[in-house]
Protein backbone atom coordinates (compact mmCIF):
# COMPACT_ATOMS: atom_id res chain seq x y z
CA MET A 1 0.00 0.00 0.00
CA LYS A 2 1.44 3.32 -1.10
CA ARG A 3 0.63 6.51 0.77
CA ILE A 4 -0.10 9.72 -1.12
CA PHE A 5 -0.17 13.15 0.51
CA ALA A 6 -3.49 14.93 -0.09
CA ASP A 7 -3.38 18.73 -0.31
CA ALA A 8 -6.34 21.12 -0.03
CA ASN A 9 -5.96 21.88 -3.74
CA GLY A 10 -6.69 18.23 -4.52
CA TRP A 11 -9.48 17.81 -1.99
CA ILE A 12 -11.25 20.92 -3.31
CA ALA A 13 -10.82 19.82 -6.93
CA LEU A 14 -12.28 16.43 -6.07
CA ASN A 15 -15.30 17.94 -4.33
CA SER A 16 -16.11 20.95 -6.53
CA LYS A 17 -17.46 20.32 -10.02
CA ARG A 18 -16.64 23.93 -10.88
CA ASP A 19 -12.94 23.48 -10.11
CA GLN A 20 -10.74 23.42 -13.23
CA LEU A 21 -9.00 20.27 -11.94
CA HIS A 22 -12.21 18.41 -11.06
CA ASP A 23 -12.16 15.93 -13.94
CA VAL A 24 -8.49 15.04 -13.55
CA ALA A 25 -8.91 14.79 -9.75
CA MET A 26 -11.81 12.37 -10.18
CA ARG A 27 -9.83 10.22 -12.62
CA VAL A 28 -6.62 10.17 -10.55
CA ASN A 29 -8.50 9.51 -7.30
CA LYS A 30 -10.33 6.57 -8.85
CA GLU A 31 -7.03 5.10 -10.12
CA LEU A 32 -5.26 5.56 -6.79
CA LEU A 33 -8.02 3.95 -4.76
CA ARG A 34 -8.41 1.09 -7.26
CA GLU A 35 -4.68 0.41 -6.89
CA GLY A 36 -5.03 0.29 -3.09
CA HIS A 37 -3.28 3.56 -2.28
CA ARG A 38 -4.17 5.50 0.84
CA TYR A 39 -4.12 9.23 1.54
CA VAL A 40 -2.29 11.12 4.26
CA THR A 41 -3.37 14.67 5.06
CA THR A 42 -3.10 17.06 7.99
CA ASN A 43 -5.44 19.00 10.19
CA PHE A 44 -4.03 22.20 8.64
CA ILE A 45 -4.92 20.91 5.16
CA LEU A 46 -8.41 20.03 6.35
CA ASP A 47 -8.82 23.56 7.74
CA GLU A 48 -7.93 25.00 4.32
CA THR A 49 -10.22 22.51 2.58
CA TYR A 50 -13.26 23.18 4.78
CA THR A 51 -12.86 26.92 4.21
CA GLY A 52 -12.25 26.52 0.47
CA LEU A 53 -15.29 24.31 0.01
CA LEU A 54 -17.42 26.66 2.11
CA MET A 55 -16.48 29.58 -0.14
CA LYS A 56 -16.63 27.73 -3.49
CA VAL A 57 -19.43 25.23 -3.02
CA GLY A 58 -21.22 25.99 0.24
CA HIS A 59 -21.63 24.93 3.84
CA PHE A 60 -23.27 21.58 3.09
CA ALA A 61 -20.37 20.51 0.84
CA ALA A 62 -17.79 21.50 3.45
CA VAL A 63 -19.57 19.59 6.22
CA ASP A 64 -20.23 16.59 3.98
CA PHE A 65 -16.54 16.42 3.03
CA GLY A 66 -15.51 16.71 6.69
CA GLU A 67 -17.82 13.92 7.76
CA ARG A 68 -16.59 11.62 4.98
CA ILE A 69 -12.91 12.30 5.72
CA ARG A 70 -13.31 11.86 9.47
CA ASN A 71 -14.93 8.47 8.90
CA SER A 72 -12.72 7.33 6.03
CA ARG A 73 -10.63 4.18 6.14
CA THR A 74 -8.49 5.42 3.25
CA VAL A 75 -7.31 8.68 4.87
CA GLN A 76 -4.85 9.14 7.73
CA ILE A 77 -4.98 12.56 9.39
CA ILE A 78 -1.72 13.77 10.92
CA HIS A 79 -2.03 16.55 13.46
CA ILE A 80 0.58 19.27 13.16
CA THR A 81 2.72 19.25 16.29
CA GLU A 82 4.88 22.01 17.68
CA ASP A 83 7.97 20.23 16.29
CA ILE A 84 6.45 20.14 12.80
CA GLU A 85 5.52 23.82 13.11
CA ASP A 86 9.08 24.70 14.14
CA GLU A 87 10.52 22.87 11.11
CA ALA A 88 7.92 24.45 8.86
CA TRP A 89 8.81 27.88 10.19
CA LYS A 90 12.44 27.28 9.20
CA LEU A 91 11.34 26.43 5.65
CA PHE A 92 8.96 29.38 5.53
CA LYS A 93 11.80 31.75 6.46
CA GLN A 94 14.33 30.06 4.16
CA TYR A 95 12.36 30.31 0.92
CA SER A 96 11.80 34.05 0.61
CA ASP A 97 11.91 33.68 -3.18
CA LYS A 98 8.82 31.40 -3.19
CA ASN A 99 5.22 32.06 -2.26
CA PHE A 100 4.86 28.99 -0.08
CA SER A 101 2.07 29.31 2.44
CA PHE A 102 2.89 28.28 5.97
CA THR A 103 0.51 25.35 5.51
CA ASP A 104 2.50 24.32 2.42
CA CYS A 105 5.61 24.27 4.59
CA THR A 106 3.93 22.06 7.21
CA SER A 107 2.93 19.70 4.39
CA PHE A 108 6.51 19.54 3.08
CA VAL A 109 7.81 18.67 6.55
CA VAL A 110 5.20 15.93 7.01
CA MET A 111 5.93 14.49 3.57
CA ARG A 112 9.63 14.33 4.33
CA GLN A 113 9.06 12.78 7.74
CA VAL A 114 6.99 9.93 6.35
CA ASN A 115 8.98 9.55 3.12
CA MET A 116 6.27 10.50 0.65
CA VAL A 117 7.11 11.94 -2.76
CA GLU A 118 3.67 12.17 -4.42
CA ALA A 119 0.94 14.65 -3.62
CA PHE A 120 -2.69 14.67 -4.70
CA THR A 121 -2.53 18.30 -5.81
CA GLY A 122 -2.06 20.58 -8.77
CA ASP A 123 -0.11 23.10 -6.67
CA HIS A 124 3.25 23.79 -8.33
CA HIS A 125 4.81 24.60 -4.95
CA PHE A 126 5.10 20.87 -4.30
CA GLU A 127 7.10 20.48 -7.50
CA GLN A 128 9.36 23.34 -6.44
CA MET A 129 10.24 21.22 -3.39
CA GLN A 130 10.95 18.17 -5.59
CA PHE A 131 7.66 16.37 -4.90
CA VAL A 132 5.39 15.01 -7.64
CA ALA A 133 2.08 16.85 -8.12
CA LEU A 134 -0.30 14.17 -9.42
CA LEU A 135 -2.91 16.58 -10.77
CA LYS A 136 -0.62 18.23 -13.32
């Protein structure tokens, strides 16, 4: 079983038919799950996703997504610890030439800690950190 990091960009694309990446997200998600892969995400990513879905699709969609993720057997949620935040802060300060969000930096730290290289996202920031963005 391979673990894939799931970013808010991917979760929103998967759950919003109006998102430009919706069709590719649906196709890639179906392939990954059929092949037995599992997702890893963080509480910071879920925060971004709930807010993004609320703004783009509505309250019901955000709550529905949250309920499905919280009860999913295919998603592991990692909670950002103080140590992860400290490492993310170092990255955030280091890359002044990039527009990484602080949440992006927490994701990069988590991905490195659990040896993941692929992300369910179309966000080019992951590629800038040498990860593979599966929704490209």
